[in-house]
Amino acid sequence: MKNIQVQIFDKTYTLQGDLDPAYVEKLAQTVDARMRALAEASGSVDSSRLAVLAALHLADELEGQRRERGELRRRVQRCVRLVESALKRPA
C-alpha cells in the first residue's frame, strides 16, 4: 500500500492504496475542478456542501455513461445478430 497525497479544494488528503499515484492525482483533479466550478456557480464556500454536490454531479455522469454503454451494447448485439443471420443464408 502506498501513501498518496492529493489536493482537493485547497485541502491535502493522504490516501492509501495500490493505484498508480498519477491516476489518483487525476481523479483528485477531477473532483477539485468540479468543486471549484460549483463554488463559482453557486457562490458557496462550504466545502462539505460542495463535495456532496460534486459527488452527485459525478454520479449522474457515471449513470449516464452506464446507460449509454448499455444502449451501445444492445446495438452491437443487434448488428452481430444481423451479420450472423446474413452469413447463415445460402449464397
C-alpha atoms as a PDB file:
ATOM      1  CA  MET A   1       0.000   0.000   0.000  1.00  0.00           C
ATOM      2  CA  LYS A   2       1.300   3.419  -0.967  1.00  0.00           C
ATOM      3  CA  ASN A   3       0.526   6.752   0.649  1.00  0.00           C
ATOM      4  CA  ILE A   4      -0.586   9.250  -1.968  1.00  0.00           C
ATOM      5  CA  GLN A   5      -1.139  12.918  -1.169  1.00  0.00           C
ATOM      6  CA  VAL A   6      -3.641  14.897  -3.230  1.00  0.00           C
ATOM      7  CA  GLN A   7      -5.036  18.421  -3.035  1.00  0.00           C
ATOM      8  CA  ILE A   8      -8.772  18.933  -3.346  1.00  0.00           C
ATOM      9  CA  PHE A   9     -10.313  22.356  -2.835  1.00  0.00           C
ATOM     10  CA  ASP A  10      -7.186  23.660  -1.073  1.00  0.00           C
ATOM     11  CA  LYS A  11      -7.096  20.779   1.377  1.00  0.00           C
ATOM     12  CA  THR A  12      -4.482  17.996   1.426  1.00  0.00           C
ATOM     13  CA  TYR A  13      -5.638  14.400   1.731  1.00  0.00           C
ATOM     14  CA  THR A  14      -3.411  11.377   2.241  1.00  0.00           C
ATOM     15  CA  LEU A  15      -4.827   8.272   0.620  1.00  0.00           C
ATOM     16  CA  GLN A  16      -3.601   4.700   0.794  1.00  0.00           C
ATOM     17  CA  GLY A  17      -3.890   2.215  -1.994  1.00  0.00           C
ATOM     18  CA  ASP A  18      -2.273   0.240  -4.739  1.00  0.00           C
ATOM     19  CA  LEU A  19      -3.402   2.508  -7.566  1.00  0.00           C
ATOM     20  CA  ASP A  20      -0.978   4.439  -9.730  1.00  0.00           C
ATOM     21  CA  PRO A  21      -0.329   7.792  -8.000  1.00  0.00           C
ATOM     22  CA  ALA A  22      -0.716   9.651 -11.312  1.00  0.00           C
ATOM     23  CA  TYR A  23      -4.166   8.121 -11.749  1.00  0.00           C
ATOM     24  CA  VAL A  24      -5.202   9.056  -8.203  1.00  0.00           C
ATOM     25  CA  GLU A  25      -3.949  12.600  -8.818  1.00  0.00           C
ATOM     26  CA  LYS A  26      -6.037  12.779 -11.994  1.00  0.00           C
ATOM     27  CA  LEU A  27      -9.122  11.681 -10.043  1.00  0.00           C
ATOM     28  CA  ALA A  28      -8.403  14.301  -7.390  1.00  0.00           C
ATOM     29  CA  GLN A  29      -8.038  16.967 -10.072  1.00  0.00           C
ATOM     30  CA  THR A  30     -11.427  15.973 -11.493  1.00  0.00           C
ATOM     31  CA  VAL A  31     -13.084  16.313  -8.077  1.00  0.00           C
ATOM     32  CA  ASP A  32     -11.252  19.588  -7.393  1.00  0.00           C
ATOM     33  CA  ALA A  33     -12.316  21.058 -10.736  1.00  0.00           C
ATOM     34  CA  ARG A  34     -15.929  20.053 -10.182  1.00  0.00           C
ATOM     35  CA  MET A  35     -15.977  21.544  -6.685  1.00  0.00           C
ATOM     36  CA  ARG A  36     -14.438  24.797  -7.937  1.00  0.00           C
ATOM     37  CA  ALA A  37     -16.950  25.064 -10.773  1.00  0.00           C
ATOM     38  CA  LEU A  38     -19.820  24.505  -8.347  1.00  0.00           C
ATOM     39  CA  ALA A  39     -18.355  27.041  -5.904  1.00  0.00           C
ATOM     40  CA  GLU A  40     -18.133  29.614  -8.671  1.00  0.00           C
ATOM     41  CA  ALA A  41     -21.649  28.914  -9.935  1.00  0.00           C
ATOM     42  CA  SER A  42     -23.270  28.887  -6.506  1.00  0.00           C
ATOM     43  CA  GLY A  43     -21.138  31.367  -4.606  1.00  0.00           C
ATOM     44  CA  SER A  44     -20.784  28.771  -1.849  1.00  0.00           C
ATOM     45  CA  VAL A  45     -17.548  28.101   0.006  1.00  0.00           C
ATOM     46  CA  ASP A  46     -18.909  25.333   2.240  1.00  0.00           C
ATOM     47  CA  SER A  47     -16.577  22.512   1.247  1.00  0.00           C
ATOM     48  CA  SER A  48     -18.830  19.774   2.657  1.00  0.00           C
ATOM     49  CA  ARG A  49     -21.798  21.006   0.638  1.00  0.00           C
ATOM     50  CA  LEU A  50     -19.661  21.383  -2.470  1.00  0.00           C
ATOM     51  CA  ALA A  51     -18.228  17.878  -2.018  1.00  0.00           C
ATOM     52  CA  VAL A  52     -21.726  16.388  -1.849  1.00  0.00           C
ATOM     53  CA  LEU A  53     -22.858  18.361  -4.900  1.00  0.00           C
ATOM     54  CA  ALA A  54     -19.717  17.317  -6.806  1.00  0.00           C
ATOM     55  CA  ALA A  55     -20.332  13.683  -5.860  1.00  0.00           C
ATOM     56  CA  LEU A  56     -23.920  13.920  -7.096  1.00  0.00           C
ATOM     57  CA  HIS A  57     -22.828  15.515 -10.377  1.00  0.00           C
ATOM     58  CA  LEU A  58     -20.168  12.865 -10.927  1.00  0.00           C
ATOM     59  CA  ALA A  59     -22.603  10.064 -10.015  1.00  0.00           C
ATOM     60  CA  ASP A  60     -25.089  11.481 -12.527  1.00  0.00           C
ATOM     61  CA  GLU A  61     -22.414  11.487 -15.236  1.00  0.00           C
ATOM     62  CA  LEU A  62     -21.449   7.916 -14.345  1.00  0.00           C
ATOM     63  CA  GLU A  63     -25.062   6.746 -14.525  1.00  0.00           C
ATOM     64  CA  GLY A  64     -25.453   8.447 -17.918  1.00  0.00           C
ATOM     65  CA  GLN A  65     -22.336   6.670 -19.183  1.00  0.00           C
ATOM     66  CA  ARG A  66     -23.663   3.342 -17.919  1.00  0.00           C
ATOM     67  CA  ARG A  67     -26.962   3.860 -19.734  1.00  0.00           C
ATOM     68  CA  GLU A  68     -25.143   4.872 -22.905  1.00  0.00           C
ATOM     69  CA  ARG A  69     -22.862   1.825 -22.673  1.00  0.00           C
ATOM     70  CA  GLY A  70     -25.904  -0.425 -22.236  1.00  0.00           C
ATOM     71  CA  GLU A  71     -27.560   1.089 -25.297  1.00  0.00           C
ATOM     72  CA  LEU A  72     -24.363   0.654 -27.349  1.00  0.00           C
ATOM     73  CA  ARG A  73     -24.106  -2.959 -26.175  1.00  0.00           C
ATOM     74  CA  ARG A  74     -27.683  -3.621 -27.337  1.00  0.00           C
ATOM     75  CA  ARG A  75     -26.967  -2.012 -30.714  1.00  0.00           C
ATOM     76  CA  VAL A  76     -23.805  -4.087 -31.178  1.00  0.00           C
ATOM     77  CA  GLN A  77     -25.688  -7.265 -30.277  1.00  0.00           C
ATOM     78  CA  ARG A  78     -28.358  -6.437 -32.885  1.00  0.00           C
ATOM     79  CA  CYS A  79     -25.655  -5.856 -35.504  1.00  0.00           C
ATOM     80  CA  VAL A  80     -23.957  -9.137 -34.617  1.00  0.00           C
ATOM     81  CA  ARG A  81     -27.278 -10.990 -34.956  1.00  0.00           C
ATOM     82  CA  LEU A  82     -27.856  -9.387 -38.357  1.00  0.00           C
ATOM     83  CA  VAL A  83     -24.387 -10.357 -39.565  1.00  0.00           C
ATOM     84  CA  GLU A  84     -24.730 -13.907 -38.218  1.00  0.00           C
ATOM     85  CA  SER A  85     -28.134 -14.206 -39.901  1.00  0.00           C
ATOM     86  CA  ALA A  86     -26.722 -12.960 -43.199  1.00  0.00           C
ATOM     87  CA  LEU A  87     -23.826 -15.398 -43.005  1.00  0.00           C
ATOM     88  CA  LYS A  88     -26.158 -18.345 -42.457  1.00  0.00           C
ATOM     89  CA  ARG A  89     -28.172 -17.625 -45.632  1.00  0.00           C
ATOM     90  CA  PRO A  90     -27.238 -19.590 -48.711  1.00  0.00           C
ATOM     91  CA  ALA A  91     -25.449 -17.571 -51.359  1.00  0.00           C
END
